[in-house]
């Protein structure tokens, strides 16, 4: 039997192509017609794998969540919570930074997505095992997600016009703001690291006050 000219459809192939479309064209670039064209198939054939566009988006988001390293939470010995959170936050941000256009969907919460729920379970379990009260652990998990997803939504440095004249007359403290865009990566990554350490420092103090008092 001759091999088909077009590779057979699979969920993985559809998800990979959909993610590539979102990466290059944004969420608005994803449609059944556009996706079918990219895959060289008919639109209705996609519904054999995903009943709705929302189902497909869930799978795409969960694929991105699968890129986040959770190895720091695994092993027989309970990890040191601060180190584990730091390593996880960096991996989480790296995954989102690679696919920033998907962040608005991801920010809605884990839903029924297996990788997203596995991530939430690992973070919560690490905190509870370290002695954090369950309510505090829930809030910390939410806080970290707000911080990480927020940092991936856009670039602070790239948001400033590169025209020095914009700032010259009325904004005397922004005399070098036109230079920020060319240092976008170092500024944005530096801001994330500064914020991450500040959060962890604050949580460390809270941990000593709440958990340390009971030991």
N, C-alpha and C. Protein backbone atom coordinates (compact mmCIF):
# COMPACT_ATOMS: atom_id res chain seq x y z
N UNK A 1 0.85 -1.19 0.00
CA UNK A 1 0.00 0.00 0.00
C UNK A 1 0.89 1.25 0.00
N UNK A 2 0.56 2.18 -0.87
CA UNK A 2 1.34 3.41 -0.96
C UNK A 2 1.19 4.25 0.30
N UNK A 3 2.25 4.92 0.70
CA UNK A 3 2.19 5.78 1.89
C UNK A 3 1.37 7.02 1.59
N UNK A 4 0.57 7.51 2.52
CA UNK A 4 -0.23 8.72 2.30
C UNK A 4 0.68 9.92 2.11
N UNK A 5 0.27 10.83 1.23
CA UNK A 5 1.07 12.02 0.98
C UNK A 5 1.11 12.93 2.20
N UNK A 6 -0.01 12.97 2.92
CA UNK A 6 -0.10 13.80 4.11
C UNK A 6 -0.04 12.91 5.34
N UNK A 7 0.82 13.23 6.31
CA UNK A 7 0.86 12.42 7.54
C UNK A 7 -0.51 12.33 8.18
N UNK A 8 -0.80 11.16 8.74
CA UNK A 8 -2.10 10.98 9.38
C UNK A 8 -2.26 11.93 10.54
N UNK A 9 -3.49 12.39 10.73
CA UNK A 9 -3.78 13.29 11.84
C UNK A 9 -3.66 12.57 13.18
N UNK A 10 -3.18 13.29 14.14
CA UNK A 10 -3.14 12.79 15.51
C UNK A 10 -3.35 13.99 16.43
N UNK A 11 -3.73 13.72 17.66
CA UNK A 11 -3.92 14.81 18.62
C UNK A 11 -2.62 15.60 18.80
N UNK A 12 -1.51 14.89 18.89
CA UNK A 12 -0.23 15.56 19.11
C UNK A 12 0.11 16.48 17.94
N UNK A 13 -0.13 16.01 16.73
CA UNK A 13 0.20 16.83 15.56
C UNK A 13 -0.69 18.06 15.50
N UNK A 14 -1.96 17.90 15.83
CA UNK A 14 -2.88 19.04 15.83
C UNK A 14 -2.46 20.06 16.88
N UNK A 15 -2.15 19.58 18.08
CA UNK A 15 -1.76 20.48 19.18
C UNK A 15 -0.47 21.21 18.84
N UNK A 16 0.50 20.49 18.31
CA UNK A 16 1.78 21.12 17.97
C UNK A 16 1.60 22.21 16.92
N UNK A 17 0.78 21.94 15.93
CA UNK A 17 0.54 22.93 14.88
C UNK A 17 -0.26 24.12 15.42
N UNK A 18 -1.23 23.84 16.27
CA UNK A 18 -2.02 24.92 16.87
C UNK A 18 -1.15 25.82 17.72
N UNK A 19 -0.26 25.24 18.50
CA UNK A 19 0.64 26.03 19.34
C UNK A 19 1.57 26.88 18.49
N UNK A 20 2.06 26.33 17.40
CA UNK A 20 2.93 27.10 16.50
C UNK A 20 2.17 28.29 15.91
N UNK A 21 0.92 28.09 15.56
CA UNK A 21 0.09 29.18 15.05
C UNK A 21 -0.09 30.27 16.09
N UNK A 22 -0.40 29.87 17.31
CA UNK A 22 -0.60 30.84 18.39
C UNK A 22 0.70 31.58 18.68
N UNK A 23 1.82 30.88 18.66
CA UNK A 23 3.11 31.52 18.90
C UNK A 23 3.40 32.60 17.88
N UNK A 24 3.06 32.36 16.62
CA UNK A 24 3.41 33.30 15.56
C UNK A 24 2.33 34.34 15.28
N UNK A 25 1.07 33.97 15.47
CA UNK A 25 -0.01 34.86 15.07
C UNK A 25 -0.95 35.27 16.21
N UNK A 26 -0.71 34.76 17.41
CA UNK A 26 -1.57 35.09 18.53
C UNK A 26 -2.81 34.21 18.58
N UNK A 27 -3.56 34.35 19.66
CA UNK A 27 -4.77 33.54 19.81
C UNK A 27 -5.77 33.77 18.70
N UNK A 28 -5.81 35.02 18.21
CA UNK A 28 -6.76 35.33 17.14
C UNK A 28 -6.39 34.63 15.83
N UNK A 29 -5.16 34.17 15.72
CA UNK A 29 -4.74 33.48 14.51
C UNK A 29 -5.17 32.03 14.45
N UNK A 30 -5.72 31.53 15.55
CA UNK A 30 -6.14 30.12 15.59
C UNK A 30 -7.61 30.00 15.25
N UNK A 31 -7.89 29.35 14.16
CA UNK A 31 -9.26 29.03 13.76
C UNK A 31 -9.26 27.65 13.14
N UNK A 32 -10.42 27.03 13.09
CA UNK A 32 -10.51 25.69 12.50
C UNK A 32 -10.04 25.72 11.05
N UNK A 33 -10.47 26.73 10.31
CA UNK A 33 -10.09 26.81 8.90
C UNK A 33 -8.58 26.99 8.74
N UNK A 34 -8.01 27.89 9.55
CA UNK A 34 -6.56 28.16 9.45
C UNK A 34 -5.76 26.92 9.85
N UNK A 35 -6.19 26.27 10.90
CA UNK A 35 -5.49 25.09 11.36
C UNK A 35 -5.57 23.96 10.34
N UNK A 36 -6.75 23.77 9.76
CA UNK A 36 -6.92 22.72 8.75
C UNK A 36 -6.03 22.99 7.55
N UNK A 37 -5.91 24.25 7.16
CA UNK A 37 -5.03 24.60 6.04
C UNK A 37 -3.58 24.26 6.35
N UNK A 38 -3.14 24.58 7.55
CA UNK A 38 -1.77 24.28 7.95
C UNK A 38 -1.50 22.78 7.96
N UNK A 39 -2.52 22.02 8.30
CA UNK A 39 -2.37 20.57 8.39
C UNK A 39 -2.69 19.86 7.08
N UNK A 40 -3.17 20.63 6.08
CA UNK A 40 -3.55 20.07 4.77
C UNK A 40 -4.65 19.02 4.90
N UNK A 41 -5.65 19.34 5.72
CA UNK A 41 -6.78 18.44 5.90
C UNK A 41 -8.06 19.26 5.81
N UNK A 42 -9.18 18.58 5.84
CA UNK A 42 -10.46 19.27 5.85
C UNK A 42 -10.81 19.66 7.28
N UNK A 43 -11.50 20.78 7.44
CA UNK A 43 -11.87 21.26 8.76
C UNK A 43 -12.60 20.24 9.61
N UNK A 44 -13.63 19.58 9.08
CA UNK A 44 -14.39 18.61 9.89
C UNK A 44 -13.55 17.49 10.47
N UNK A 45 -12.43 17.14 9.82
CA UNK A 45 -11.61 16.03 10.33
C UNK A 45 -10.99 16.36 11.68
N UNK A 46 -10.86 17.65 11.99
CA UNK A 46 -10.30 18.04 13.29
C UNK A 46 -11.22 17.64 14.43
N UNK A 47 -12.53 17.63 14.14
CA UNK A 47 -13.49 17.34 15.20
C UNK A 47 -13.50 15.87 15.60
N UNK A 48 -12.79 15.04 14.83
CA UNK A 48 -12.64 13.65 15.26
C UNK A 48 -11.71 13.55 16.47
N UNK A 49 -10.93 14.61 16.71
CA UNK A 49 -9.96 14.61 17.80
C UNK A 49 -10.32 15.61 18.90
N UNK A 50 -10.94 16.72 18.52
CA UNK A 50 -11.33 17.75 19.49
C UNK A 50 -12.75 18.22 19.16
N UNK A 51 -13.62 18.10 20.15
CA UNK A 51 -15.02 18.43 19.90
C UNK A 51 -15.23 19.92 19.69
N UNK A 52 -14.45 20.75 20.39
CA UNK A 52 -14.61 22.20 20.30
C UNK A 52 -13.24 22.87 20.27
N UNK A 53 -13.26 24.14 19.92
CA UNK A 53 -12.02 24.91 19.95
C UNK A 53 -11.49 25.04 21.37
N UNK A 54 -12.40 25.14 22.34
CA UNK A 54 -11.98 25.23 23.74
C UNK A 54 -11.25 23.95 24.17
N UNK A 55 -11.72 22.81 23.71
CA UNK A 55 -11.04 21.54 24.02
C UNK A 55 -9.62 21.55 23.46
N UNK A 56 -9.48 22.08 22.26
CA UNK A 56 -8.16 22.17 21.64
C UNK A 56 -7.26 23.12 22.42
N UNK A 57 -7.79 24.28 22.81
CA UNK A 57 -7.01 25.23 23.58
C UNK A 57 -6.56 24.64 24.91
N UNK A 58 -7.44 23.88 25.54
CA UNK A 58 -7.06 23.21 26.79
C UNK A 58 -5.85 22.30 26.57
N UNK A 59 -5.87 21.55 25.47
CA UNK A 59 -4.77 20.64 25.17
C UNK A 59 -3.49 21.41 24.87
N UNK A 60 -3.62 22.53 24.18
CA UNK A 60 -2.44 23.35 23.86
C UNK A 60 -1.83 23.91 25.15
N UNK A 61 -2.69 24.46 26.01
CA UNK A 61 -2.20 25.01 27.28
C UNK A 61 -1.55 23.93 28.12
N UNK A 62 -2.15 22.76 28.15
CA UNK A 62 -1.59 21.70 28.98
C UNK A 62 -0.26 21.21 28.42
N UNK A 63 -0.09 21.29 27.13
CA UNK A 63 1.20 20.96 26.53
C UNK A 63 2.28 21.92 27.02
N UNK A 64 1.95 23.20 27.07
CA UNK A 64 2.90 24.19 27.59
C UNK A 64 3.18 23.91 29.06
N UNK A 65 2.15 23.57 29.82
CA UNK A 65 2.36 23.24 31.24
C UNK A 65 3.26 22.02 31.40
N UNK A 66 3.23 21.14 30.42
CA UNK A 66 4.08 19.97 30.48
C UNK A 66 5.55 20.30 30.29
N UNK A 67 5.85 21.51 29.83
CA UNK A 67 7.24 21.94 29.66
C UNK A 67 7.85 22.42 30.98
N UNK A 68 7.02 22.64 32.00
CA UNK A 68 7.52 23.13 33.28
C UNK A 68 8.14 21.97 34.05
N UNK A 69 9.37 22.16 34.50
CA UNK A 69 10.07 21.13 35.26
C UNK A 69 9.49 21.01 36.67
N UNK A 70 9.13 19.82 37.06
CA UNK A 70 8.65 19.55 38.42
C UNK A 70 9.60 18.62 39.17
N UNK A 71 10.77 18.40 38.59
CA UNK A 71 11.72 17.48 39.19
C UNK A 71 12.18 17.88 40.58
N UNK A 72 12.16 19.20 40.84
CA UNK A 72 12.61 19.68 42.15
C UNK A 72 11.66 19.27 43.28
N UNK A 73 10.46 18.83 42.94
CA UNK A 73 9.51 18.40 43.96
C UNK A 73 9.52 16.89 44.16
N UNK A 74 10.28 16.20 43.35
CA UNK A 74 10.26 14.74 43.37
C UNK A 74 11.42 14.19 44.18
N UNK A 75 11.36 12.92 44.48
CA UNK A 75 12.40 12.29 45.27
C UNK A 75 11.87 11.84 46.62
N UNK A 76 12.62 11.03 47.29
CA UNK A 76 12.16 10.46 48.55
C UNK A 76 12.20 11.48 49.70
N UNK A 77 13.18 12.35 49.68
CA UNK A 77 13.28 13.35 50.73
C UNK A 77 12.51 14.61 50.35
N UNK A 78 11.84 15.20 51.33
CA UNK A 78 11.09 16.42 51.08
C UNK A 78 12.06 17.54 50.71
N UNK A 79 11.81 18.27 49.61
CA UNK A 79 12.71 19.33 49.21
C UNK A 79 12.60 20.54 50.13
N UNK A 80 13.65 21.34 50.18
CA UNK A 80 13.61 22.60 50.92
C UNK A 80 12.69 23.54 50.14
N UNK A 81 11.63 24.01 50.78
CA UNK A 81 10.55 24.67 50.05
C UNK A 81 11.00 25.91 49.29
N UNK A 82 11.88 26.72 49.89
CA UNK A 82 12.29 27.95 49.22
C UNK A 82 13.08 27.65 47.94
N UNK A 83 14.02 26.73 48.02
CA UNK A 83 14.81 26.36 46.85
C UNK A 83 13.93 25.76 45.76
N UNK A 84 13.01 24.89 46.17
CA UNK A 84 12.11 24.26 45.21
C UNK A 84 11.23 25.29 44.51
N UNK A 85 10.69 26.23 45.27
CA UNK A 85 9.84 27.27 44.67
C UNK A 85 10.64 28.12 43.69
N UNK A 86 11.87 28.46 44.05
CA UNK A 86 12.70 29.28 43.17
C UNK A 86 12.95 28.57 41.84
N UNK A 87 13.37 27.30 41.93
CA UNK A 87 13.69 26.54 40.71
C UNK A 87 12.44 26.35 39.86
N UNK A 88 11.33 26.05 40.51
CA UNK A 88 10.08 25.86 39.78
C UNK A 88 9.63 27.15 39.11
N UNK A 89 9.71 28.27 39.81
CA UNK A 89 9.29 29.55 39.26
C UNK A 89 10.09 29.90 38.01
N UNK A 90 11.38 29.65 38.04
CA UNK A 90 12.23 29.94 36.88
C UNK A 90 11.84 29.07 35.69
N UNK A 91 11.57 27.78 35.94
CA UNK A 91 11.18 26.89 34.86
C UNK A 91 9.81 27.28 34.31
N UNK A 92 8.89 27.64 35.21
CA UNK A 92 7.54 28.04 34.82
C UNK A 92 7.61 29.28 33.93
N UNK A 93 8.38 30.28 34.36
CA UNK A 93 8.49 31.51 33.57
C UNK A 93 9.13 31.23 32.21
N UNK A 94 10.12 30.36 32.17
CA UNK A 94 10.78 30.03 30.90
C UNK A 94 9.78 29.42 29.92
N UNK A 95 8.90 28.55 30.42
CA UNK A 95 7.89 27.93 29.54
C UNK A 95 6.93 28.98 29.01
N UNK A 96 6.50 29.90 29.88
CA UNK A 96 5.57 30.94 29.44
C UNK A 96 6.25 31.95 28.52
N UNK A 97 7.51 32.27 28.80
CA UNK A 97 8.23 33.22 27.96
C UNK A 97 8.40 32.67 26.54
N UNK A 98 8.45 31.35 26.41
CA UNK A 98 8.57 30.73 25.09
C UNK A 98 7.25 30.75 24.34
N UNK A 99 6.14 30.90 25.06
CA UNK A 99 4.81 30.90 24.44
C UNK A 99 3.93 31.99 25.06
N UNK A 100 4.33 33.26 24.98
CA UNK A 100 3.61 34.32 25.69
C UNK A 100 2.16 34.52 25.24
N UNK A 101 1.86 34.17 23.99
CA UNK A 101 0.51 34.41 23.49
C UNK A 101 -0.54 33.50 24.13
N UNK A 102 -0.09 32.41 24.75
CA UNK A 102 -1.04 31.48 25.36
C UNK A 102 -1.34 31.86 26.81
N UNK A 103 -0.59 32.80 27.37
CA UNK A 103 -0.72 33.15 28.79
C UNK A 103 -2.14 33.57 29.19
N UNK A 104 -2.86 34.39 28.39
CA UNK A 104 -4.21 34.77 28.80
C UNK A 104 -5.14 33.58 29.05
N UNK A 105 -5.00 32.52 28.28
CA UNK A 105 -5.82 31.33 28.49
C UNK A 105 -5.33 30.58 29.72
N UNK A 106 -4.05 30.44 29.84
CA UNK A 106 -3.46 29.73 30.96
C UNK A 106 -3.81 30.39 32.29
N UNK A 107 -3.88 31.72 32.29
CA UNK A 107 -4.12 32.47 33.52
C UNK A 107 -5.51 32.23 34.11
N UNK A 108 -6.39 31.60 33.35
CA UNK A 108 -7.74 31.33 33.85
C UNK A 108 -7.77 30.22 34.89
N UNK A 109 -6.70 29.48 35.03
CA UNK A 109 -6.66 28.42 36.04
C UNK A 109 -6.45 27.06 35.40
N UNK A 110 -6.20 26.04 36.21
CA UNK A 110 -5.87 24.71 35.68
C UNK A 110 -7.03 23.95 35.06
N UNK A 111 -8.24 24.23 35.50
CA UNK A 111 -9.38 23.48 34.97
C UNK A 111 -9.18 21.99 35.18
N UNK A 112 -9.40 21.21 34.12
CA UNK A 112 -9.21 19.76 34.19
C UNK A 112 -7.93 19.31 33.48
N UNK A 113 -7.02 20.24 33.23
CA UNK A 113 -5.80 19.93 32.49
C UNK A 113 -4.84 19.12 33.36
N UNK A 114 -4.47 17.92 32.93
CA UNK A 114 -3.65 17.04 33.78
C UNK A 114 -2.30 17.63 34.19
N UNK A 115 -1.56 18.21 33.25
CA UNK A 115 -0.25 18.77 33.60
C UNK A 115 -0.38 19.96 34.55
N UNK A 116 -1.41 20.77 34.33
CA UNK A 116 -1.62 21.92 35.20
C UNK A 116 -2.01 21.49 36.60
N UNK A 117 -2.84 20.46 36.71
CA UNK A 117 -3.23 19.96 38.02
C UNK A 117 -2.05 19.27 38.71
N UNK A 118 -1.22 18.59 37.93
CA UNK A 118 -0.02 17.97 38.49
C UNK A 118 0.92 19.03 39.07
N UNK A 119 1.03 20.15 38.37
CA UNK A 119 1.86 21.26 38.83
C UNK A 119 1.32 21.81 40.15
N UNK A 120 0.01 22.08 40.19
CA UNK A 120 -0.60 22.63 41.40
C UNK A 120 -0.45 21.67 42.57
N UNK A 121 -0.60 20.39 42.30
CA UNK A 121 -0.47 19.38 43.35
C UNK A 121 0.95 19.35 43.90
N UNK A 122 1.95 19.46 43.02
CA UNK A 122 3.35 19.40 43.45
C UNK A 122 3.71 20.60 44.33
N UNK A 123 3.29 21.79 43.91
CA UNK A 123 3.61 23.00 44.67
C UNK A 123 2.92 22.97 46.03
N UNK A 124 1.64 22.65 46.04
CA UNK A 124 0.88 22.60 47.29
C UNK A 124 1.46 21.54 48.23
N UNK A 125 1.77 20.38 47.68
CA UNK A 125 2.31 19.30 48.50
C UNK A 125 3.65 19.66 49.12
N UNK A 126 4.49 20.34 48.36
CA UNK A 126 5.80 20.76 48.88
C UNK A 126 5.63 21.71 50.06
N UNK A 127 4.72 22.66 49.93
CA UNK A 127 4.52 23.65 50.99
C UNK A 127 3.93 23.02 52.24
N UNK A 128 2.94 22.17 52.06
CA UNK A 128 2.32 21.51 53.21
C UNK A 128 3.31 20.59 53.91
N UNK A 129 4.08 19.86 53.13
CA UNK A 129 5.08 18.97 53.72
C UNK A 129 6.14 19.74 54.50
N UNK A 130 6.37 21.00 54.11
CA UNK A 130 7.36 21.83 54.81
C UNK A 130 6.80 22.43 56.09
N UNK A 131 5.51 22.24 56.31
CA UNK A 131 4.91 22.74 57.55
C UNK A 131 3.98 23.93 57.39
N UNK A 132 3.86 24.44 56.16
CA UNK A 132 2.94 25.55 55.95
C UNK A 132 1.50 25.07 56.19
N UNK A 133 0.68 25.85 56.89
CA UNK A 133 -0.74 25.50 57.01
C UNK A 133 -1.38 25.44 55.62
N UNK A 134 -2.36 24.61 55.46
CA UNK A 134 -2.95 24.38 54.14
C UNK A 134 -3.51 25.67 53.53
N UNK A 135 -4.13 26.49 54.34
CA UNK A 135 -4.66 27.76 53.81
C UNK A 135 -3.56 28.66 53.31
N UNK A 136 -2.46 28.74 54.07
CA UNK A 136 -1.32 29.54 53.64
C UNK A 136 -0.69 28.97 52.37
N UNK A 137 -0.60 27.65 52.30
CA UNK A 137 -0.02 27.02 51.11
C UNK A 137 -0.84 27.34 49.87
N UNK A 138 -2.16 27.35 50.01
CA UNK A 138 -3.04 27.69 48.89
C UNK A 138 -2.79 29.12 48.43
N UNK A 139 -2.68 30.03 49.39
CA UNK A 139 -2.46 31.44 49.04
C UNK A 139 -1.10 31.65 48.40
N UNK A 140 -0.10 30.94 48.89
CA UNK A 140 1.24 31.07 48.32
C UNK A 140 1.27 30.55 46.89
N UNK A 141 0.61 29.43 46.65
CA UNK A 141 0.53 28.90 45.29
C UNK A 141 -0.12 29.90 44.35
N UNK A 142 -1.20 30.54 44.81
CA UNK A 142 -1.88 31.55 44.00
C UNK A 142 -0.98 32.75 43.77
N UNK A 143 -0.32 33.20 44.84
CA UNK A 143 0.57 34.36 44.74
C UNK A 143 1.67 34.11 43.71
N UNK A 144 2.30 32.95 43.77
CA UNK A 144 3.38 32.64 42.85
C UNK A 144 2.86 32.59 41.41
N UNK A 145 1.69 32.04 41.22
CA UNK A 145 1.15 31.97 39.86
C UNK A 145 0.82 33.36 39.33
N UNK A 146 0.26 34.24 40.19
CA UNK A 146 -0.01 35.61 39.76
C UNK A 146 1.28 36.29 39.32
N UNK A 147 2.32 36.13 40.13
CA UNK A 147 3.58 36.78 39.84
C UNK A 147 4.21 36.25 38.55
N UNK A 148 4.23 34.95 38.39
CA UNK A 148 4.89 34.35 37.23
C UNK A 148 4.13 34.65 35.94
N UNK A 149 2.82 34.45 35.95
CA UNK A 149 2.05 34.72 34.73
C UNK A 149 2.07 36.21 34.40
N UNK A 150 2.02 37.05 35.42
CA UNK A 150 2.08 38.48 35.17
C UNK A 150 3.39 38.89 34.52
N UNK A 151 4.48 38.26 34.95
CA UNK A 151 5.79 38.60 34.39
C UNK A 151 5.91 38.17 32.94
N UNK A 152 5.07 37.22 32.52
CA UNK A 152 5.16 36.70 31.16
C UNK A 152 4.17 37.37 30.20
N UNK A 153 3.29 38.22 30.71
CA UNK A 153 2.27 38.82 29.86
C UNK A 153 2.82 39.85 28.89
N UNK A 154 3.93 40.47 29.24
CA UNK A 154 4.49 41.47 28.34
C UNK A 154 5.83 41.94 28.86
N UNK A 155 6.47 42.79 28.07
CA UNK A 155 7.79 43.30 28.44
C UNK A 155 7.67 44.73 28.95
N UNK A 156 8.13 44.95 30.18
CA UNK A 156 8.18 46.30 30.72
C UNK A 156 9.10 47.18 29.88
N UNK A 157 10.29 46.68 29.60
CA UNK A 157 11.29 47.47 28.89
C UNK A 157 10.84 47.84 27.48
N UNK A 158 10.17 46.90 26.81
CA UNK A 158 9.76 47.15 25.42
C UNK A 158 8.59 48.13 25.33
N UNK A 159 7.99 48.46 26.45
CA UNK A 159 6.83 49.35 26.44
C UNK A 159 7.16 50.83 26.35
N UNK A 160 8.44 51.17 26.40
CA UNK A 160 8.84 52.58 26.34
C UNK A 160 9.30 52.95 24.93
N UNK A 161 8.77 54.03 24.35
CA UNK A 161 9.21 54.46 23.02
C UNK A 161 10.71 54.75 23.00
N UNK A 162 11.32 54.49 21.86
CA UNK A 162 12.76 54.69 21.74
C UNK A 162 13.13 56.11 21.33
N UNK A 163 12.13 56.98 21.24
CA UNK A 163 12.35 58.38 20.89
C UNK A 163 12.61 59.19 22.16
N UNK A 164 13.83 59.70 22.32
CA UNK A 164 14.21 60.45 23.52
C UNK A 164 13.37 61.70 23.71
N UNK A 165 12.85 62.25 22.62
CA UNK A 165 12.09 63.50 22.70
C UNK A 165 10.75 63.32 23.43
N UNK A 166 10.28 62.10 23.49
CA UNK A 166 9.02 61.83 24.19
C UNK A 166 9.12 62.23 25.65
N UNK A 167 10.30 62.08 26.23
CA UNK A 167 10.47 62.28 27.66
C UNK A 167 11.11 63.62 28.03
N UNK A 168 11.74 64.25 27.06
CA UNK A 168 12.61 65.39 27.35
C UNK A 168 11.96 66.52 28.14
N UNK A 169 10.76 66.94 27.77
CA UNK A 169 10.17 68.12 28.36
C UNK A 169 9.44 67.86 29.68
N UNK A 170 8.62 66.81 29.73
CA UNK A 170 7.70 66.64 30.87
C UNK A 170 8.08 65.51 31.83
N UNK A 171 9.03 64.68 31.47
CA UNK A 171 9.34 63.52 32.31
C UNK A 171 10.84 63.49 32.62
N UNK A 172 11.29 64.39 33.48
CA UNK A 172 12.74 64.55 33.73
C UNK A 172 13.41 63.32 34.31
N UNK A 173 12.67 62.47 34.99
CA UNK A 173 13.28 61.29 35.60
C UNK A 173 13.40 60.12 34.61
N UNK A 174 12.85 60.32 33.42
CA UNK A 174 12.89 59.26 32.40
C UNK A 174 13.84 59.62 31.27
N UNK A 175 14.90 60.32 31.60
CA UNK A 175 15.83 60.79 30.58
C UNK A 175 16.50 59.69 29.77
N UNK A 176 16.57 58.48 30.33
CA UNK A 176 17.20 57.38 29.60
C UNK A 176 16.22 56.26 29.28
N UNK A 177 14.93 56.55 29.40
CA UNK A 177 13.92 55.52 29.15
C UNK A 177 13.93 55.04 27.71
N UNK A 178 14.39 55.89 26.78
CA UNK A 178 14.42 55.49 25.38
C UNK A 178 15.45 54.38 25.12
N UNK A 179 16.31 54.12 26.10
CA UNK A 179 17.33 53.07 25.95
C UNK A 179 16.86 51.72 26.48
N UNK A 180 15.72 51.70 27.16
CA UNK A 180 15.28 50.47 27.81
C UNK A 180 15.04 49.33 26.82
N UNK A 181 14.41 49.66 25.69
CA UNK A 181 14.01 48.60 24.75
C UNK A 181 15.20 47.78 24.26
N UNK A 182 16.35 48.41 24.07
CA UNK A 182 17.49 47.66 23.55
C UNK A 182 18.11 46.75 24.60
N UNK A 183 17.71 46.94 25.86
CA UNK A 183 18.19 46.07 26.94
C UNK A 183 17.03 45.25 27.51
N UNK A 184 16.06 44.99 26.66
CA UNK A 184 14.81 44.36 27.08
C UNK A 184 15.03 43.07 27.88
N UNK A 185 15.83 42.17 27.34
CA UNK A 185 15.97 40.86 27.98
C UNK A 185 16.58 40.96 29.37
N UNK A 186 17.68 41.71 29.49
CA UNK A 186 18.35 41.80 30.79
C UNK A 186 17.48 42.51 31.82
N UNK A 187 16.73 43.53 31.38
CA UNK A 187 15.86 44.26 32.32
C UNK A 187 14.70 43.38 32.78
N UNK A 188 14.05 42.73 31.83
CA UNK A 188 12.88 41.92 32.19
C UNK A 188 13.28 40.71 33.04
N UNK A 189 14.38 40.06 32.68
CA UNK A 189 14.82 38.91 33.47
C UNK A 189 15.32 39.36 34.84
N UNK A 190 16.00 40.51 34.86
CA UNK A 190 16.47 41.04 36.14
C UNK A 190 15.32 41.42 37.05
N UNK A 191 14.28 41.99 36.46
CA UNK A 191 13.10 42.36 37.25
C UNK A 191 12.43 41.12 37.83
N UNK A 192 12.35 40.06 37.02
CA UNK A 192 11.75 38.82 37.51
C UNK A 192 12.55 38.26 38.67
N UNK A 193 13.87 38.20 38.52
CA UNK A 193 14.71 37.66 39.58
C UNK A 193 14.63 38.51 40.85
N UNK A 194 14.60 39.84 40.70
CA UNK A 194 14.47 40.72 41.86
C UNK A 194 13.15 40.48 42.58
N UNK A 195 12.08 40.39 41.81
CA UNK A 195 10.77 40.15 42.40
C UNK A 195 10.67 38.79 43.05
N UNK A 196 11.26 37.78 42.40
CA UNK A 196 11.22 36.43 42.94
C UNK A 196 11.93 36.35 44.29
N UNK A 197 13.12 36.93 44.36
CA UNK A 197 13.85 36.90 45.62
C UNK A 197 13.14 37.71 46.70
N UNK A 198 12.53 38.83 46.32
CA UNK A 198 11.79 39.63 47.29
C UNK A 198 10.59 38.85 47.85
N UNK A 199 9.90 38.14 46.96
CA UNK A 199 8.77 37.31 47.40
C UNK A 199 9.25 36.21 48.35
N UNK A 200 10.31 35.55 47.98
CA UNK A 200 10.82 34.45 48.81
C UNK A 200 11.35 34.96 50.14
N UNK A 201 11.98 36.13 50.14
CA UNK A 201 12.44 36.73 51.40
C UNK A 201 11.26 36.99 52.33
N UNK A 202 10.19 37.55 51.75
CA UNK A 202 9.01 37.83 52.55
C UNK A 202 8.36 36.57 53.08
N UNK A 203 8.30 35.54 52.24
CA UNK A 203 7.72 34.26 52.66
C UNK A 203 8.58 33.59 53.73
N UNK A 204 9.89 33.77 53.62
CA UNK A 204 10.78 33.20 54.63
C UNK A 204 10.49 33.80 56.01
N UNK A 205 10.29 35.10 56.05
CA UNK A 205 9.97 35.76 57.32
C UNK A 205 8.62 35.27 57.84
N UNK A 206 7.68 35.12 56.94
CA UNK A 206 6.35 34.65 57.33
C UNK A 206 6.41 33.21 57.83
N UNK A 207 7.24 32.41 57.17
CA UNK A 207 7.41 31.01 57.56
C UNK A 207 7.95 30.91 58.98
N UNK A 208 8.95 31.71 59.29
CA UNK A 208 9.53 31.68 60.64
C UNK A 208 8.52 32.09 61.69
N UNK A 209 7.66 33.03 61.32
CA UNK A 209 6.67 33.52 62.28
C UNK A 209 5.53 32.52 62.48
N UNK A 210 5.08 31.93 61.38
CA UNK A 210 3.91 31.03 61.46
C UNK A 210 4.31 29.61 61.81
N UNK A 211 5.29 29.09 61.08
CA UNK A 211 5.66 27.69 61.24
C UNK A 211 6.70 27.53 62.35
N UNK A 212 7.66 28.45 62.40
CA UNK A 212 8.70 28.34 63.40
C UNK A 212 8.17 28.40 64.83
N UNK A 213 7.10 29.13 65.01
CA UNK A 213 6.52 29.27 66.35
C UNK A 213 5.91 27.98 66.86
N UNK A 214 5.64 27.05 65.94
CA UNK A 214 5.00 25.78 66.35
C UNK A 214 6.01 24.66 66.51
N UNK A 215 7.29 24.97 66.25
CA UNK A 215 8.32 23.91 66.36
C UNK A 215 9.31 24.24 67.48
